[in-house]
N, C-alpha and C. Protein backbone atom coordinates (compact mmCIF):
# COMPACT_ATOMS: atom_id res chain seq x y z
N UNK A 1 71.67 -78.47 92.73
CA UNK A 1 72.16 -79.52 92.27
C UNK A 1 71.50 -79.97 91.01
N UNK A 2 72.42 -80.60 90.15
CA UNK A 2 71.90 -80.91 88.78
C UNK A 2 72.38 -82.58 88.68
N UNK A 3 71.53 -83.44 88.57
CA UNK A 3 71.80 -84.69 88.46
C UNK A 3 71.00 -85.49 87.57
N UNK A 4 71.45 -86.85 87.08
CA UNK A 4 70.82 -87.79 86.37
C UNK A 4 70.45 -88.98 87.16
N UNK A 5 69.27 -89.20 87.76
CA UNK A 5 68.97 -90.27 88.58
C UNK A 5 69.06 -91.71 87.84
N UNK A 6 69.51 -92.80 88.36
CA UNK A 6 69.39 -94.17 87.64
C UNK A 6 68.12 -94.50 87.48
N UNK A 7 67.13 -94.18 88.16
CA UNK A 7 65.60 -94.55 88.16
C UNK A 7 64.97 -93.40 87.72
N UNK A 8 64.22 -93.50 86.66
CA UNK A 8 63.43 -92.31 85.94
C UNK A 8 62.49 -91.76 87.11
N UNK A 9 62.51 -90.38 87.35
CA UNK A 9 61.67 -89.75 88.24
C UNK A 9 59.90 -90.00 87.81
N UNK A 10 60.03 -89.97 86.32
CA UNK A 10 58.56 -90.14 85.82
C UNK A 10 58.08 -91.61 86.19
N UNK A 11 58.75 -92.52 86.17
CA UNK A 11 58.56 -93.93 86.43
C UNK A 11 58.17 -93.84 87.92
N UNK A 12 59.09 -93.37 88.77
CA UNK A 12 58.70 -93.34 90.24
C UNK A 12 57.24 -92.72 90.51
N UNK A 13 57.07 -91.65 89.91
CA UNK A 13 55.70 -91.01 90.18
C UNK A 13 54.54 -91.94 89.73
N UNK A 14 54.83 -92.57 88.48
CA UNK A 14 53.82 -93.49 87.96
C UNK A 14 53.68 -94.81 89.02
N UNK A 15 54.77 -95.06 89.67
CA UNK A 15 54.61 -96.25 90.47
C UNK A 15 53.84 -95.84 91.83
N UNK A 16 54.01 -94.85 92.38
CA UNK A 16 53.30 -94.31 93.50
C UNK A 16 51.74 -94.03 93.08
N UNK A 17 51.61 -93.63 91.85
CA UNK A 17 50.07 -93.24 91.44
C UNK A 17 49.44 -94.78 91.37
N UNK A 18 50.38 -95.85 90.98
CA UNK A 18 49.82 -97.09 90.70
C UNK A 18 49.44 -97.86 92.28
N UNK A 19 50.18 -97.44 93.33
CA UNK A 19 49.78 -97.73 94.72
C UNK A 19 48.55 -97.21 95.01
N UNK A 20 48.39 -95.94 94.78
CA UNK A 20 46.98 -95.42 95.30
C UNK A 20 45.83 -95.77 94.29
N UNK A 21 46.14 -95.78 93.04
CA UNK A 21 45.07 -96.11 92.11
C UNK A 21 45.51 -97.39 91.24
N UNK A 22 45.16 -98.55 91.80
CA UNK A 22 45.73 -99.89 91.03
C UNK A 22 45.36 -99.93 89.36
N UNK A 23 44.28 -99.27 89.00
CA UNK A 23 44.01 -99.22 87.73
C UNK A 23 44.99 -98.54 86.84
N UNK A 24 45.88 -97.67 87.31
CA UNK A 24 46.90 -97.01 86.61
C UNK A 24 48.17 -97.69 86.42
N UNK A 25 48.20 -99.19 86.87
CA UNK A 25 49.54 -99.83 86.76
C UNK A 25 49.96 -100.03 85.45
N UNK A 26 49.09 -100.18 84.39
CA UNK A 26 49.51 -100.47 83.11
C UNK A 26 50.51 -99.41 82.59
N UNK A 27 50.59 -98.24 83.27
CA UNK A 27 51.67 -97.19 82.80
C UNK A 27 53.12 -97.82 83.14
N UNK A 28 53.34 -98.61 84.20
CA UNK A 28 54.62 -99.03 84.46
C UNK A 28 54.88 -100.47 84.46
N UNK A 29 53.67 -101.31 84.09
CA UNK A 29 53.85 -102.74 84.16
C UNK A 29 54.86 -103.32 83.37
N UNK A 30 55.16 -103.04 82.20
CA UNK A 30 56.19 -103.58 81.29
C UNK A 30 57.31 -102.59 80.97
N UNK A 31 57.42 -101.67 81.78
CA UNK A 31 58.67 -100.79 81.42
C UNK A 31 59.56 -100.88 82.52
N UNK A 32 60.88 -100.61 82.24
CA UNK A 32 61.82 -100.57 83.13
C UNK A 32 62.02 -99.26 83.80
N UNK A 33 62.35 -99.38 85.08
CA UNK A 33 62.65 -97.98 85.81
C UNK A 33 63.87 -97.36 85.53
N UNK A 34 64.81 -98.09 85.07
CA UNK A 34 66.26 -97.74 84.91
C UNK A 34 66.43 -96.66 83.75
N UNK A 35 67.02 -95.57 84.02
CA UNK A 35 67.52 -94.95 82.85
C UNK A 35 69.03 -95.49 82.35
N UNK A 36 69.04 -96.10 81.20
CA UNK A 36 70.22 -96.59 80.77
C UNK A 36 71.28 -95.59 80.38
N UNK A 37 72.54 -95.72 80.80
CA UNK A 37 73.52 -94.94 80.68
C UNK A 37 74.60 -95.47 79.47
N UNK A 38 74.62 -94.69 78.50
CA UNK A 38 75.39 -95.29 77.35
C UNK A 38 76.79 -94.96 77.41
N UNK A 39 77.89 -95.55 76.74
CA UNK A 39 79.33 -95.45 76.91
C UNK A 39 79.68 -93.90 76.70
N UNK A 40 79.10 -93.25 75.75
CA UNK A 40 79.51 -91.89 75.27
C UNK A 40 78.76 -90.91 76.23
N UNK A 41 77.98 -91.29 77.05
CA UNK A 41 77.12 -90.23 77.92
C UNK A 41 78.17 -89.44 78.99
N UNK A 42 78.99 -90.32 79.40
CA UNK A 42 80.01 -89.48 80.26
C UNK A 42 80.88 -88.47 79.53
N UNK A 43 81.11 -88.67 78.28
CA UNK A 43 81.70 -87.78 77.51
C UNK A 43 80.97 -86.54 76.96
N UNK A 44 79.57 -86.79 76.86
CA UNK A 44 78.60 -85.94 76.46
C UNK A 44 78.35 -84.77 77.64
N UNK A 45 78.52 -85.34 79.04
CA UNK A 45 78.37 -84.44 80.22
C UNK A 45 79.64 -83.58 80.31
N UNK A 46 80.78 -84.32 80.02
CA UNK A 46 82.08 -83.43 80.24
C UNK A 46 82.11 -82.40 79.07
N UNK A 47 81.84 -82.70 77.83
CA UNK A 47 81.87 -81.70 76.94
C UNK A 47 80.90 -80.48 77.05
N UNK A 48 79.65 -80.90 77.58
CA UNK A 48 78.43 -79.92 77.81
C UNK A 48 79.00 -78.97 79.07
N UNK A 49 79.73 -79.60 79.97
CA UNK A 49 80.17 -78.56 81.19
C UNK A 49 81.21 -77.69 80.59
N UNK A 50 82.20 -78.24 79.68
CA UNK A 50 83.17 -77.41 79.28
C UNK A 50 82.63 -76.25 78.34
N UNK A 51 81.72 -76.60 77.41
CA UNK A 51 80.93 -75.61 76.61
C UNK A 51 80.55 -74.45 77.39
N UNK A 52 79.81 -74.98 78.49
CA UNK A 52 79.07 -73.79 79.20
C UNK A 52 80.12 -72.96 80.03
N UNK A 53 81.27 -73.69 80.36
CA UNK A 53 82.28 -72.84 81.00
C UNK A 53 82.83 -71.96 80.05
N UNK A 54 83.14 -72.35 78.83
CA UNK A 54 83.63 -71.41 77.77
C UNK A 54 82.89 -70.08 77.63
N UNK A 55 81.29 -70.41 77.52
CA UNK A 55 80.49 -69.31 76.96
C UNK A 55 80.09 -68.44 78.34
N UNK A 56 79.81 -69.15 79.38
CA UNK A 56 79.41 -68.42 80.68
C UNK A 56 80.24 -68.05 81.68
N UNK A 57 81.39 -68.72 81.72
CA UNK A 57 82.62 -68.61 82.75
C UNK A 57 82.22 -69.24 83.97
N UNK A 58 80.98 -70.14 84.03
CA UNK A 58 80.78 -70.88 85.29
C UNK A 58 81.50 -72.38 85.11
N UNK A 59 82.24 -72.72 86.05
CA UNK A 59 82.73 -73.99 86.09
C UNK A 59 82.23 -75.05 86.73
N UNK A 60 81.92 -76.12 86.36
CA UNK A 60 81.00 -77.12 86.81
C UNK A 60 81.95 -78.42 86.88
N UNK A 61 81.78 -79.20 87.97
CA UNK A 61 82.74 -80.47 88.05
C UNK A 61 81.66 -81.59 88.45
N UNK A 62 81.28 -82.24 87.32
CA UNK A 62 80.28 -83.31 87.48
C UNK A 62 81.09 -84.60 88.29
N UNK A 63 80.20 -85.11 89.02
CA UNK A 63 80.74 -86.52 89.78
C UNK A 63 80.20 -87.61 88.99
N UNK A 64 81.01 -88.38 88.23
CA UNK A 64 80.43 -89.44 87.50
C UNK A 64 80.90 -90.80 88.39
N UNK A 65 79.75 -91.64 88.20
CA UNK A 65 79.72 -92.67 89.25
C UNK A 65 79.39 -93.95 88.57
N UNK A 66 80.08 -94.96 88.74
CA UNK A 66 79.67 -96.17 88.12
C UNK A 66 78.69 -97.00 88.90
N UNK A 67 78.43 -96.49 90.10
CA UNK A 67 77.31 -97.06 91.09
C UNK A 67 76.68 -95.88 91.98
N UNK A 68 75.69 -96.13 92.59
CA UNK A 68 75.09 -95.12 93.49
C UNK A 68 73.69 -94.76 92.82
N UNK A 69 73.18 -93.73 93.36
CA UNK A 69 71.82 -93.33 93.08
C UNK A 69 71.77 -92.60 91.47
N UNK A 70 72.94 -92.02 91.16
CA UNK A 70 72.79 -91.09 90.16
C UNK A 70 74.05 -91.46 89.19
N UNK A 71 73.75 -91.25 87.82
CA UNK A 71 74.67 -91.45 86.84
C UNK A 71 75.85 -90.29 86.83
N UNK A 72 75.36 -89.15 87.03
CA UNK A 72 76.05 -87.97 87.41
C UNK A 72 75.49 -86.91 88.37
N UNK A 73 76.21 -86.27 89.03
CA UNK A 73 75.87 -85.38 89.99
C UNK A 73 76.60 -84.26 90.12
N UNK A 74 76.12 -82.96 90.15
CA UNK A 74 76.92 -81.79 90.25
C UNK A 74 76.23 -80.84 91.22
N UNK A 75 77.12 -80.12 91.97
CA UNK A 75 76.52 -79.03 92.82
C UNK A 75 76.91 -77.87 92.34
N UNK A 76 76.24 -76.72 92.49
CA UNK A 76 76.78 -75.32 92.08
C UNK A 76 76.36 -74.36 93.16
N UNK A 77 77.01 -73.41 93.17
CA UNK A 77 76.73 -72.16 94.21
C UNK A 77 75.43 -71.53 93.62
N UNK A 78 74.76 -70.73 94.47
CA UNK A 78 73.60 -70.15 94.15
C UNK A 78 73.82 -68.95 93.22
N UNK A 79 75.07 -68.50 93.23
CA UNK A 79 75.35 -67.53 92.08
C UNK A 79 75.46 -68.01 90.67
N UNK A 80 75.71 -69.22 90.57
CA UNK A 80 75.59 -69.92 89.21
C UNK A 80 74.38 -70.66 88.69
N UNK A 81 73.21 -70.24 89.37
CA UNK A 81 71.87 -70.75 88.84
C UNK A 81 71.66 -70.80 87.66
N UNK A 82 71.62 -69.44 86.99
CA UNK A 82 71.50 -69.24 85.60
C UNK A 82 72.26 -70.04 84.64
N UNK A 83 73.58 -70.19 84.73
CA UNK A 83 74.47 -71.04 83.99
C UNK A 83 74.11 -72.43 84.03
N UNK A 84 73.65 -72.91 85.46
CA UNK A 84 73.41 -74.27 85.61
C UNK A 84 72.28 -74.54 85.00
N UNK A 85 71.07 -73.71 84.80
CA UNK A 85 69.91 -73.89 84.01
C UNK A 85 70.23 -74.10 82.60
N UNK A 86 71.17 -73.32 82.11
CA UNK A 86 71.59 -73.32 80.61
C UNK A 86 72.23 -74.76 80.42
N UNK A 87 72.98 -75.32 81.49
CA UNK A 87 73.75 -76.73 81.28
C UNK A 87 72.79 -77.63 81.42
N UNK A 88 71.54 -77.64 82.33
CA UNK A 88 70.56 -78.58 82.24
C UNK A 88 69.98 -78.65 81.00
N UNK A 89 69.54 -77.58 80.46
CA UNK A 89 68.85 -77.83 79.16
C UNK A 89 69.79 -78.25 78.08
N UNK A 90 70.95 -77.89 78.12
CA UNK A 90 71.95 -78.46 77.18
C UNK A 90 72.04 -79.94 77.19
N UNK A 91 72.24 -80.47 78.43
CA UNK A 91 72.41 -82.00 78.57
C UNK A 91 71.06 -82.80 78.54
N UNK A 92 69.96 -81.99 78.61
CA UNK A 92 68.64 -82.60 78.47
C UNK A 92 68.46 -82.73 76.79
N UNK A 93 68.90 -81.77 76.03
CA UNK A 93 68.86 -82.04 74.62
C UNK A 93 69.99 -82.91 74.15
N UNK A 94 71.10 -82.98 74.61
CA UNK A 94 72.16 -84.07 74.35
C UNK A 94 71.70 -85.29 74.67
N UNK A 95 70.86 -85.51 75.80
CA UNK A 95 70.70 -86.94 76.50
C UNK A 95 69.03 -86.90 76.37
N UNK A 96 68.39 -87.00 75.29
CA UNK A 96 66.99 -86.80 75.13
C UNK A 96 66.09 -87.86 75.79
N UNK A 97 66.56 -89.04 76.04
CA UNK A 97 65.68 -90.05 76.67
C UNK A 97 65.77 -90.16 78.29
N UNK A 98 66.67 -89.26 78.76
CA UNK A 98 67.02 -89.17 80.08
C UNK A 98 66.30 -88.04 81.10
N UNK A 99 65.69 -88.42 82.13
CA UNK A 99 65.26 -87.34 83.04
C UNK A 99 66.42 -86.71 83.85
N UNK A 100 66.53 -85.52 83.93
CA UNK A 100 67.26 -84.86 84.86
C UNK A 100 66.67 -84.14 85.97
N UNK A 101 67.33 -84.14 87.29
CA UNK A 101 66.73 -83.33 88.30
C UNK A 101 67.61 -82.24 88.64
N UNK A 102 66.83 -80.93 88.49
CA UNK A 102 67.58 -79.60 88.92
C UNK A 102 66.59 -79.02 89.97
N UNK A 103 67.30 -79.01 91.15
CA UNK A 103 66.64 -78.81 92.35
C UNK A 103 65.47 -79.38 92.64
N UNK A 104 64.53 -78.77 92.60
CA UNK A 104 63.04 -79.40 92.69
C UNK A 104 62.54 -79.59 91.49
N UNK A 105 63.14 -79.24 90.36
CA UNK A 105 62.42 -79.53 89.18
C UNK A 105 63.08 -80.50 88.45
N UNK A 106 62.27 -81.10 87.46
CA UNK A 106 62.76 -82.11 86.32
C UNK A 106 63.01 -81.63 84.94
N UNK A 107 63.72 -82.09 84.35
CA UNK A 107 64.37 -81.59 82.97
C UNK A 107 64.03 -82.86 82.06
N UNK A 108 63.49 -82.71 80.94
CA UNK A 108 63.47 -83.90 79.86
C UNK A 108 63.31 -83.22 78.68
N UNK A 109 64.26 -83.46 77.64
CA UNK A 109 64.24 -83.06 76.38
C UNK A 109 63.96 -81.59 76.09
N UNK A 110 64.77 -80.82 76.96
CA UNK A 110 64.82 -79.40 76.68
C UNK A 110 63.50 -78.62 77.45
N UNK A 111 62.98 -79.25 78.30
CA UNK A 111 61.86 -78.68 79.05
C UNK A 111 62.02 -78.87 80.48
N UNK A 112 61.56 -77.97 81.31
CA UNK A 112 61.37 -78.16 82.55
C UNK A 112 60.23 -78.39 83.22
N UNK A 113 60.06 -79.33 84.25
CA UNK A 113 58.72 -79.86 84.66
C UNK A 113 58.72 -79.66 86.02
N UNK A 114 57.55 -79.78 86.86
CA UNK A 114 57.50 -79.70 88.28
C UNK A 114 56.11 -80.68 88.40
N UNK A 115 56.11 -81.18 89.74
CA UNK A 115 55.09 -82.03 90.15
C UNK A 115 53.84 -81.06 90.29
N UNK A 116 52.50 -81.62 90.21
CA UNK A 116 51.52 -80.66 90.32
C UNK A 116 51.39 -80.75 91.82
N UNK A 117 50.48 -79.64 92.24
CA UNK A 117 50.35 -79.30 93.72
C UNK A 117 49.35 -80.47 94.34
N UNK A 118 49.37 -80.57 95.61
CA UNK A 118 48.53 -81.51 96.24
C UNK A 118 48.91 -83.00 96.17
N UNK A 119 47.86 -83.86 96.10
CA UNK A 119 48.14 -85.37 96.09
C UNK A 119 48.27 -85.91 94.57
N UNK A 120 48.26 -84.97 93.64
CA UNK A 120 48.20 -85.43 92.23
C UNK A 120 49.76 -85.88 91.92
N UNK A 121 49.92 -86.97 91.56
CA UNK A 121 51.27 -87.35 91.37
C UNK A 121 51.61 -87.35 89.68
N UNK A 122 51.39 -86.33 89.11
CA UNK A 122 51.58 -86.09 87.80
C UNK A 122 52.57 -84.95 87.55
N UNK A 123 53.30 -84.91 86.56
CA UNK A 123 54.13 -83.65 86.07
C UNK A 123 53.48 -82.65 85.19
N UNK A 124 53.89 -81.39 85.20
CA UNK A 124 53.20 -80.38 84.47
C UNK A 124 54.43 -79.60 83.96
N UNK A 125 54.43 -79.08 82.88
CA UNK A 125 55.56 -78.15 82.36
C UNK A 125 55.53 -76.84 83.32
N UNK A 126 56.91 -76.34 83.63
CA UNK A 126 56.96 -75.43 84.55
C UNK A 126 57.31 -74.21 83.71
N UNK A 127 56.01 -73.51 83.57
CA UNK A 127 56.19 -72.44 82.40
C UNK A 127 56.70 -71.07 83.09
N UNK A 128 57.10 -71.13 84.41
CA UNK A 128 57.74 -69.79 84.83
C UNK A 128 59.36 -69.89 85.01
N UNK A 129 59.86 -71.08 84.30
CA UNK A 129 61.43 -71.34 84.28
C UNK A 129 61.86 -70.92 83.00
N UNK A 130 62.66 -70.11 83.08
CA UNK A 130 63.39 -69.61 81.62
C UNK A 130 64.73 -69.27 81.95
N UNK A 131 65.30 -69.27 80.83
CA UNK A 131 66.92 -68.63 80.76
C UNK A 131 66.85 -67.17 80.62
N UNK A 132 67.73 -66.42 81.37
CA UNK A 132 67.68 -65.09 81.03
C UNK A 132 68.14 -64.75 79.61
N UNK A 133 67.77 -63.68 79.10
CA UNK A 133 67.98 -63.22 77.65
C UNK A 133 69.51 -63.34 77.33
N UNK A 134 70.25 -62.77 78.09
CA UNK A 134 71.87 -62.84 77.67
C UNK A 134 72.39 -64.35 77.72
N UNK A 135 71.90 -65.08 78.73
CA UNK A 135 72.46 -66.51 78.80
C UNK A 135 71.88 -67.25 77.47
N UNK A 136 70.64 -67.05 77.23
CA UNK A 136 70.19 -67.66 76.07
C UNK A 136 70.58 -67.37 74.78
N UNK A 137 71.11 -66.31 74.72
CA UNK A 137 71.76 -65.66 73.42
C UNK A 137 73.19 -66.32 73.47
N UNK A 138 73.70 -66.53 74.59
CA UNK A 138 75.22 -67.04 74.49
C UNK A 138 75.20 -68.61 74.25
N UNK A 139 74.05 -69.20 74.60
CA UNK A 139 74.15 -70.68 74.31
C UNK A 139 72.99 -71.13 73.13
N UNK A 140 72.58 -70.13 72.57
CA UNK A 140 71.43 -70.37 71.50
C UNK A 140 71.93 -71.56 70.46
N UNK A 141 73.31 -71.43 70.04
CA UNK A 141 73.74 -72.27 68.84
C UNK A 141 73.96 -73.70 69.45
N UNK A 142 74.21 -73.78 70.85
CA UNK A 142 74.52 -75.02 71.49
C UNK A 142 73.09 -75.90 71.65
N UNK A 143 72.17 -75.10 72.00
CA UNK A 143 70.97 -75.66 72.39
C UNK A 143 70.32 -76.20 70.85
N UNK A 144 70.38 -75.69 69.95
CA UNK A 144 69.94 -76.00 68.68
C UNK A 144 70.59 -77.14 68.00
N UNK A 145 71.96 -77.41 68.17
CA UNK A 145 72.64 -78.43 67.41
C UNK A 145 73.05 -79.52 68.25
């Protein structure tokens, strides 16, 4: 699945961390948990899905909802994981202030993240998640502009 939650996953982890260690509550004290969805964001998602479909042949149908836990949500078969990664990167570049959820990973501003192991409630870059060479070449110009 690829989705954009209404509540920032980064904020959720910081809130859990603040429950365990109250001295860290300053990280969320005066911040909103909500990820604001602009009027043009629905169009950005639709255009990105169309562009990836043109280049890679994988068809994605996002479910856009005015209410619920997610701004948009899309499911894809296991055979389309690589094109879905390209779509996640493209959307994270087009919506740079939003955190996206890609399976168990998080995506923000063109980068994949995962939670640290154990009880640590922090994020670290997922250094082992990459686009395959042929897919990166097909969407290179989309990711730059």
